[in-house]
């Protein structure tokens, strides 16, 4: 695999890098283990991470899950497919002038826009410039080709998707992936919206592996809990 410059230190969102031994980092490792023990986990190459609505933590979940999978020794690619409101380039402090949308529009090749991170096994494909037609690009044969190429080159591919109830992008991407994780923010997500989001994925290729309950307050023995504003 080609060499990349490592660049700047990632942001505080990456708790699994900045505080690897913290209890919240352990929760991401538990999530990694749970995914591997699901029925589809053994052969799962591409994983879509989404939420019902914006602000539920899907981007932070996707980035930290990518980190702990890479820490396990896997070659991991994190793709920011939230082309309407990208955030992974901010989390990893990388350049977003070229990325996924450039590949889909034929302006760049897949390998030319991959970026390294501070973790040797983890690479990032940022969203690139915001396109005028996100759904058309994500439903194109080029998007399917990107995921196939990513699966061939990496052990694990994690895709950060737009919220599923806001636009059709997540459903389009889910039909190209092996598995789906639905992130739900504790105390703010409406149950009927979570159900609607889950039902959307009943007819796609990807299997809904489960729901990640995010930002839940912990018990008295653990006085701190992780909070953030997802992009």
C-alpha atoms as a PDB file:
ATOM      1  CA  UNK A   1       0.000   0.000   0.000  1.00  0.00           C
ATOM      2  CA  UNK A   2       1.228   3.477  -0.833  1.00  0.00           C
ATOM      3  CA  UNK A   3       2.702   5.788   1.827  1.00  0.00           C
ATOM      4  CA  UNK A   4       0.843   8.829   3.118  1.00  0.00           C
ATOM      5  CA  UNK A   5       1.744  11.789   5.294  1.00  0.00           C
ATOM      6  CA  UNK A   6       0.276  11.523   8.761  1.00  0.00           C
ATOM      7  CA  UNK A   7      -0.588  15.211   9.205  1.00  0.00           C
ATOM      8  CA  UNK A   8      -2.127  16.940  12.230  1.00  0.00           C
ATOM      9  CA  UNK A   9      -3.322  15.434  15.494  1.00  0.00           C
ATOM     10  CA  UNK A  10      -7.053  14.495  15.443  1.00  0.00           C
ATOM     11  CA  UNK A  11      -9.708  16.351  17.452  1.00  0.00           C
ATOM     12  CA  UNK A  12     -11.139  15.600  20.887  1.00  0.00           C
ATOM     13  CA  UNK A  13     -13.956  13.597  19.245  1.00  0.00           C
ATOM     14  CA  UNK A  14     -11.531  10.691  18.948  1.00  0.00           C
ATOM     15  CA  UNK A  15     -11.662   9.571  22.568  1.00  0.00           C
ATOM     16  CA  UNK A  16     -10.230   6.184  21.529  1.00  0.00           C
ATOM     17  CA  UNK A  17      -7.000   7.891  20.467  1.00  0.00           C
ATOM     18  CA  UNK A  18      -6.670  10.673  23.030  1.00  0.00           C
ATOM     19  CA  UNK A  19      -7.699   8.538  26.023  1.00  0.00           C
ATOM     20  CA  UNK A  20      -7.238   4.939  24.945  1.00  0.00           C
ATOM     21  CA  UNK A  21      -7.610   3.535  28.483  1.00  0.00           C
ATOM     22  CA  UNK A  22     -10.679   5.614  29.379  1.00  0.00           C
ATOM     23  CA  UNK A  23     -13.908   3.732  30.090  1.00  0.00           C
ATOM     24  CA  UNK A  24     -15.629   5.185  27.030  1.00  0.00           C
ATOM     25  CA  UNK A  25     -12.870   3.851  24.812  1.00  0.00           C
ATOM     26  CA  UNK A  26     -13.608   0.440  26.279  1.00  0.00           C
ATOM     27  CA  UNK A  27     -17.240   0.822  25.237  1.00  0.00           C
ATOM     28  CA  UNK A  28     -16.161   1.234  21.610  1.00  0.00           C
ATOM     29  CA  UNK A  29     -14.017  -1.886  21.912  1.00  0.00           C
ATOM     30  CA  UNK A  30     -17.058  -3.707  23.294  1.00  0.00           C
ATOM     31  CA  UNK A  31     -19.042  -2.514  20.284  1.00  0.00           C
ATOM     32  CA  UNK A  32     -16.277  -3.834  18.018  1.00  0.00           C
ATOM     33  CA  UNK A  33     -16.498  -7.225  19.741  1.00  0.00           C
ATOM     34  CA  UNK A  34     -20.295  -7.306  19.539  1.00  0.00           C
ATOM     35  CA  UNK A  35     -20.155  -6.647  15.798  1.00  0.00           C
ATOM     36  CA  UNK A  36     -17.691  -9.498  15.300  1.00  0.00           C
ATOM     37  CA  UNK A  37     -20.028 -11.883  17.150  1.00  0.00           C
ATOM     38  CA  UNK A  38     -23.133 -11.036  15.163  1.00  0.00           C
ATOM     39  CA  UNK A  39     -24.325 -13.575  12.634  1.00  0.00           C
ATOM     40  CA  UNK A  40     -22.986 -11.438   9.774  1.00  0.00           C
ATOM     41  CA  UNK A  41     -19.910 -10.213  11.635  1.00  0.00           C
ATOM     42  CA  UNK A  42     -17.499 -12.864  10.425  1.00  0.00           C
ATOM     43  CA  UNK A  43     -17.841 -11.985   6.759  1.00  0.00           C
ATOM     44  CA  UNK A  44     -18.731  -8.339   7.163  1.00  0.00           C
ATOM     45  CA  UNK A  45     -16.473  -6.065   5.099  1.00  0.00           C
ATOM     46  CA  UNK A  46     -18.486  -2.849   4.723  1.00  0.00           C
ATOM     47  CA  UNK A  47     -20.391  -1.270   7.601  1.00  0.00           C
ATOM     48  CA  UNK A  48     -22.747   1.704   7.298  1.00  0.00           C
ATOM     49  CA  UNK A  49     -23.148   3.923  10.381  1.00  0.00           C
ATOM     50  CA  UNK A  50     -26.214   6.143  10.382  1.00  0.00           C
ATOM     51  CA  UNK A  51     -28.892   7.632  12.643  1.00  0.00           C
ATOM     52  CA  UNK A  52     -32.529   8.583  12.343  1.00  0.00           C
ATOM     53  CA  UNK A  53     -31.849  12.316  12.702  1.00  0.00           C
ATOM     54  CA  UNK A  54     -28.922  14.703  12.839  1.00  0.00           C
ATOM     55  CA  UNK A  55     -27.026  15.253  16.093  1.00  0.00           C
ATOM     56  CA  UNK A  56     -27.290  11.711  17.455  1.00  0.00           C
ATOM     57  CA  UNK A  57     -23.564  10.929  17.285  1.00  0.00           C
ATOM     58  CA  UNK A  58     -23.246   8.772  14.181  1.00  0.00           C
ATOM     59  CA  UNK A  59     -20.098  10.524  12.900  1.00  0.00           C
ATOM     60  CA  UNK A  60     -18.292  10.265  16.236  1.00  0.00           C
ATOM     61  CA  UNK A  61     -19.376   6.633  16.557  1.00  0.00           C
ATOM     62  CA  UNK A  62     -18.113   5.852  13.043  1.00  0.00           C
ATOM     63  CA  UNK A  63     -14.725   7.493  13.623  1.00  0.00           C
ATOM     64  CA  UNK A  64     -14.087   5.884  17.009  1.00  0.00           C
ATOM     65  CA  UNK A  65     -15.229   2.481  15.787  1.00  0.00           C
ATOM     66  CA  UNK A  66     -12.802   2.820  12.879  1.00  0.00           C
ATOM     67  CA  UNK A  67     -10.003   3.620  15.344  1.00  0.00           C
ATOM     68  CA  UNK A  68     -10.585   0.610  17.602  1.00  0.00           C
ATOM     69  CA  UNK A  69     -10.818  -1.708  14.607  1.00  0.00           C
ATOM     70  CA  UNK A  70      -7.498  -0.360  13.337  1.00  0.00           C
ATOM     71  CA  UNK A  71      -5.992  -0.735  16.815  1.00  0.00           C
ATOM     72  CA  UNK A  72      -6.831  -4.416  16.522  1.00  0.00           C
ATOM     73  CA  UNK A  73      -4.443  -4.622  13.560  1.00  0.00           C
ATOM     74  CA  UNK A  74      -6.931  -4.422  10.699  1.00  0.00           C
ATOM     75  CA  UNK A  75      -6.384  -2.226   7.675  1.00  0.00           C
ATOM     76  CA  UNK A  76      -9.405   0.094   7.938  1.00  0.00           C
ATOM     77  CA  UNK A  77     -10.857   2.700   5.601  1.00  0.00           C
ATOM     78  CA  UNK A  78     -13.330   5.283   6.905  1.00  0.00           C
ATOM     79  CA  UNK A  79     -15.419   6.864   4.138  1.00  0.00           C
ATOM     80  CA  UNK A  80     -17.330  10.075   4.785  1.00  0.00           C
ATOM     81  CA  UNK A  81     -20.376   9.660   2.562  1.00  0.00           C
ATOM     82  CA  UNK A  82     -22.302  12.443   4.297  1.00  0.00           C
ATOM     83  CA  UNK A  83     -21.663  14.692   1.329  1.00  0.00           C
ATOM     84  CA  UNK A  84     -24.314  17.197   2.407  1.00  0.00           C
ATOM     85  CA  UNK A  85     -22.798  17.945   5.819  1.00  0.00           C
ATOM     86  CA  UNK A  86     -19.394  16.251   6.092  1.00  0.00           C
ATOM     87  CA  UNK A  87     -17.535  16.101   9.392  1.00  0.00           C
ATOM     88  CA  UNK A  88     -14.829  13.428   9.277  1.00  0.00           C
ATOM     89  CA  UNK A  89     -12.280  15.837   7.813  1.00  0.00           C
ATOM     90  CA  UNK A  90     -12.873  18.064  10.863  1.00  0.00           C
ATOM     91  CA  UNK A  91     -12.595  15.166  13.304  1.00  0.00           C
ATOM     92  CA  UNK A  92      -9.310  13.981  11.778  1.00  0.00           C
ATOM     93  CA  UNK A  93      -8.146  17.513  10.823  1.00  0.00           C
ATOM     94  CA  UNK A  94      -7.588  16.664   7.179  1.00  0.00           C
ATOM     95  CA  UNK A  95      -7.958  18.478   3.863  1.00  0.00           C
ATOM     96  CA  UNK A  96     -11.387  18.132   2.236  1.00  0.00           C
ATOM     97  CA  UNK A  97     -10.720  19.861  -1.053  1.00  0.00           C
ATOM     98  CA  UNK A  98     -10.634  16.464  -2.768  1.00  0.00           C
ATOM     99  CA  UNK A  99     -12.436  13.324  -1.717  1.00  0.00           C
ATOM    100  CA  UNK A 100     -15.313  10.962  -2.483  1.00  0.00           C
ATOM    101  CA  UNK A 101     -17.284  13.338  -4.695  1.00  0.00           C
ATOM    102  CA  UNK A 102     -14.230  13.908  -6.883  1.00  0.00           C
ATOM    103  CA  UNK A 103     -13.936  10.145  -7.429  1.00  0.00           C
ATOM    104  CA  UNK A 104     -17.649   9.766  -8.182  1.00  0.00           C
ATOM    105  CA  UNK A 105     -17.563  12.630 -10.701  1.00  0.00           C
ATOM    106  CA  UNK A 106     -14.476  11.253 -12.446  1.00  0.00           C
ATOM    107  CA  UNK A 107     -12.163  14.071 -11.330  1.00  0.00           C
ATOM    108  CA  UNK A 108      -9.827  11.865  -9.266  1.00  0.00           C
ATOM    109  CA  UNK A 109      -8.933   8.232  -8.748  1.00  0.00           C
ATOM    110  CA  UNK A 110      -9.710   6.281  -5.588  1.00  0.00           C
ATOM    111  CA  UNK A 111      -6.120   5.867  -4.391  1.00  0.00           C
ATOM    112  CA  UNK A 112      -5.182   9.470  -5.131  1.00  0.00           C
ATOM    113  CA  UNK A 113      -7.602  10.898  -2.565  1.00  0.00           C
ATOM    114  CA  UNK A 114      -7.012   8.472   0.322  1.00  0.00           C
ATOM    115  CA  UNK A 115      -5.463  10.167   3.344  1.00  0.00           C
ATOM    116  CA  UNK A 116      -3.450   8.718   6.204  1.00  0.00           C
ATOM    117  CA  UNK A 117      -4.271   9.303   9.864  1.00  0.00           C
ATOM    118  CA  UNK A 118      -2.088   9.250  12.955  1.00  0.00           C
ATOM    119  CA  UNK A 119      -2.877   5.535  13.218  1.00  0.00           C
ATOM    120  CA  UNK A 120      -0.868   3.477  10.712  1.00  0.00           C
ATOM    121  CA  UNK A 121      -3.679   1.034   9.877  1.00  0.00           C
ATOM    122  CA  UNK A 122      -6.426   3.657   9.484  1.00  0.00           C
ATOM    123  CA  UNK A 123      -7.039   5.635   6.297  1.00  0.00           C
ATOM    124  CA  UNK A 124      -9.651   8.256   5.482  1.00  0.00           C
ATOM    125  CA  UNK A 125     -11.618   9.098   2.358  1.00  0.00           C
ATOM    126  CA  UNK A 126     -13.170  12.494   3.043  1.00  0.00           C
ATOM    127  CA  UNK A 127     -16.400  13.571   1.356  1.00  0.00           C
ATOM    128  CA  UNK A 128     -14.845  16.155  -0.942  1.00  0.00           C
ATOM    129  CA  UNK A 129     -16.704  19.275  -2.165  1.00  0.00           C
ATOM    130  CA  UNK A 130     -20.453  19.357  -1.555  1.00  0.00           C
ATOM    131  CA  UNK A 131     -22.113  18.326  -4.856  1.00  0.00           C
ATOM    132  CA  UNK A 132     -25.365  19.741  -6.304  1.00  0.00           C
ATOM    133  CA  UNK A 133     -26.790  16.206  -6.647  1.00  0.00           C
ATOM    134  CA  UNK A 134     -25.745  14.030  -3.666  1.00  0.00           C
ATOM    135  CA  UNK A 135     -28.381  11.309  -4.112  1.00  0.00           C
ATOM    136  CA  UNK A 136     -27.568  10.899  -7.814  1.00  0.00           C
ATOM    137  CA  UNK A 137     -23.869  10.459  -7.051  1.00  0.00           C
ATOM    138  CA  UNK A 138     -24.446   7.970  -4.227  1.00  0.00           C
ATOM    139  CA  UNK A 139     -26.812   5.858  -6.340  1.00  0.00           C
ATOM    140  CA  UNK A 140     -24.423   5.796  -9.291  1.00  0.00           C
ATOM    141  CA  UNK A 141     -22.436   2.746 -10.469  1.00  0.00           C
ATOM    142  CA  UNK A 142     -19.309   4.683  -9.461  1.00  0.00           C
ATOM    143  CA  UNK A 143     -20.320   4.564  -5.783  1.00  0.00           C
ATOM    144  CA  UNK A 144     -20.766   0.812  -5.934  1.00  0.00           C
ATOM    145  CA  UNK A 145     -17.346   0.590  -7.593  1.00  0.00           C
ATOM    146  CA  UNK A 146     -15.763   2.665  -4.809  1.00  0.00           C
ATOM    147  CA  UNK A 147     -17.115   0.335  -2.137  1.00  0.00           C
ATOM    148  CA  UNK A 148     -15.983  -2.753  -4.067  1.00  0.00           C
ATOM    149  CA  UNK A 149     -12.487  -1.350  -4.470  1.00  0.00           C
ATOM    150  CA  UNK A 150     -12.378  -0.388  -0.788  1.00  0.00           C
ATOM    151  CA  UNK A 151     -13.410  -3.910   0.217  1.00  0.00           C
ATOM    152  CA  UNK A 152     -10.647  -5.346  -1.952  1.00  0.00           C
ATOM    153  CA  UNK A 153      -7.916  -3.127  -0.503  1.00  0.00           C
ATOM    154  CA  UNK A 154      -8.939  -2.998   3.174  1.00  0.00           C
ATOM    155  CA  UNK A 155      -9.949  -5.484   5.852  1.00  0.00           C
ATOM    156  CA  UNK A 156     -12.773  -3.243   7.071  1.00  0.00           C
ATOM    157  CA  UNK A 157     -14.665  -0.370   5.448  1.00  0.00           C
ATOM    158  CA  UNK A 158     -16.758   1.951   7.624  1.00  0.00           C
ATOM    159  CA  UNK A 159     -19.086   4.436   5.956  1.00  0.00           C
ATOM    160  CA  UNK A 160     -20.413   7.536   7.695  1.00  0.00           C
ATOM    161  CA  UNK A 161     -23.845   8.140   6.200  1.00  0.00           C
ATOM    162  CA  UNK A 162     -26.318  11.033   6.365  1.00  0.00           C
ATOM    163  CA  UNK A 163     -29.257  10.628   8.786  1.00  0.00           C
ATOM    164  CA  UNK A 164     -31.724   8.142   7.363  1.00  0.00           C
ATOM    165  CA  UNK A 165     -34.996  10.056   7.867  1.00  0.00           C
ATOM    166  CA  UNK A 166     -33.737  13.348   6.455  1.00  0.00           C
ATOM    167  CA  UNK A 167     -32.732  12.195   2.966  1.00  0.00           C
ATOM    168  CA  UNK A 168     -32.643   9.007   0.881  1.00  0.00           C
ATOM    169  CA  UNK A 169     -28.820   8.772   0.917  1.00  0.00           C
ATOM    170  CA  UNK A 170     -28.566   6.295   3.793  1.00  0.00           C
ATOM    171  CA  UNK A 171     -30.992   3.853   2.187  1.00  0.00           C
ATOM    172  CA  UNK A 172     -29.098   4.056  -1.107  1.00  0.00           C
ATOM    173  CA  UNK A 173     -25.794   3.353   0.635  1.00  0.00           C
ATOM    174  CA  UNK A 174     -27.249   0.559   2.779  1.00  0.00           C
ATOM    175  CA  UNK A 175     -28.044  -1.366  -0.383  1.00  0.00           C
ATOM    176  CA  UNK A 176     -24.306  -1.408  -1.167  1.00  0.00           C
ATOM    177  CA  UNK A 177     -23.053  -2.477   2.270  1.00  0.00           C
ATOM    178  CA  UNK A 178     -22.926  -5.693   4.288  1.00  0.00           C
ATOM    179  CA  UNK A 179     -24.092  -4.317   7.624  1.00  0.00           C
ATOM    180  CA  UNK A 180     -25.791  -1.296   9.202  1.00  0.00           C
ATOM    181  CA  UNK A 181     -25.491   0.290  12.643  1.00  0.00           C
ATOM    182  CA  UNK A 182     -28.207   2.705  13.763  1.00  0.00           C
ATOM    183  CA  UNK A 183     -27.011   5.270  16.332  1.00  0.00           C
ATOM    184  CA  UNK A 184     -29.619   6.598  18.755  1.00  0.00           C
ATOM    185  CA  UNK A 185     -29.016   9.435  21.197  1.00  0.00           C
ATOM    186  CA  UNK A 186     -30.333   8.635  24.652  1.00  0.00           C
ATOM    187  CA  UNK A 187     -33.078  10.925  25.878  1.00  0.00           C
ATOM    188  CA  UNK A 188     -33.669  12.726  22.592  1.00  0.00           C
ATOM    189  CA  UNK A 189     -34.598  10.168  19.952  1.00  0.00           C
ATOM    190  CA  UNK A 190     -38.328   9.521  19.428  1.00  0.00           C
ATOM    191  CA  UNK A 191     -39.197   5.825  19.478  1.00  0.00           C
ATOM    192  CA  UNK A 192     -41.415   6.027  16.405  1.00  0.00           C
ATOM    193  CA  UNK A 193     -38.617   7.703  14.473  1.00  0.00           C
ATOM    194  CA  UNK A 194     -36.167   4.971  15.469  1.00  0.00           C
ATOM    195  CA  UNK A 195     -38.677   2.356  14.324  1.00  0.00           C
ATOM    196  CA  UNK A 196     -39.210   4.159  11.019  1.00  0.00           C
ATOM    197  CA  UNK A 197     -35.465   4.323  10.459  1.00  0.00           C
ATOM    198  CA  UNK A 198     -35.059   0.616  11.233  1.00  0.00           C
ATOM    199  CA  UNK A 199     -37.951  -0.319   8.917  1.00  0.00           C
ATOM    200  CA  UNK A 200     -36.316   1.574   6.065  1.00  0.00           C
ATOM    201  CA  UNK A 201     -33.486  -0.957   6.041  1.00  0.00           C
ATOM    202  CA  UNK A 202     -35.683  -4.060   5.918  1.00  0.00           C
ATOM    203  CA  UNK A 203     -35.543  -4.239   2.105  1.00  0.00           C
ATOM    204  CA  UNK A 204     -31.907  -3.388   1.446  1.00  0.00           C
ATOM    205  CA  UNK A 205     -28.881  -5.614   0.976  1.00  0.00           C
ATOM    206  CA  UNK A 206     -27.211  -4.594   4.223  1.00  0.00           C
ATOM    207  CA  UNK A 207     -28.269  -6.295   7.433  1.00  0.00           C
ATOM    208  CA  UNK A 208     -29.273  -4.109  10.370  1.00  0.00           C
ATOM    209  CA  UNK A 209     -26.861  -5.397  13.017  1.00  0.00           C
ATOM    210  CA  UNK A 210     -28.280  -3.406  15.903  1.00  0.00           C
ATOM    211  CA  UNK A 211     -28.782  -0.057  17.583  1.00  0.00           C
ATOM    212  CA  UNK A 212     -26.049   1.882  19.402  1.00  0.00           C
ATOM    213  CA  UNK A 213     -27.432   3.806  22.393  1.00  0.00           C
ATOM    214  CA  UNK A 214     -25.296   6.907  22.591  1.00  0.00           C
ATOM    215  CA  UNK A 215     -24.679   9.638  25.198  1.00  0.00           C
ATOM    216  CA  UNK A 216     -26.360   7.762  28.033  1.00  0.00           C
ATOM    217  CA  UNK A 217     -25.614   8.908  31.572  1.00  0.00           C
ATOM    218  CA  UNK A 218     -23.813   6.289  33.598  1.00  0.00           C
ATOM    219  CA  UNK A 219     -24.289   5.179  37.185  1.00  0.00           C
ATOM    220  CA  UNK A 220     -22.953   6.718  40.367  1.00  0.00           C
ATOM    221  CA  UNK A 221     -19.683   4.813  40.294  1.00  0.00           C
ATOM    222  CA  UNK A 222     -18.757   6.512  37.041  1.00  0.00           C
ATOM    223  CA  UNK A 223     -19.112  10.239  37.575  1.00  0.00           C
ATOM    224  CA  UNK A 224     -18.267  11.284  34.024  1.00  0.00           C
ATOM    225  CA  UNK A 225     -19.908  10.529  30.760  1.00  0.00           C
ATOM    226  CA  UNK A 226     -18.941  11.475  27.239  1.00  0.00           C
ATOM    227  CA  UNK A 227     -20.897  14.230  25.534  1.00  0.00           C
ATOM    228  CA  UNK A 228     -20.335  15.974  22.217  1.00  0.00           C
ATOM    229  CA  UNK A 229     -22.085  17.827  19.441  1.00  0.00           C
ATOM    230  CA  UNK A 230     -22.010  15.695  16.305  1.00  0.00           C
ATOM    231  CA  UNK A 231     -21.439  17.512  13.051  1.00  0.00           C
END
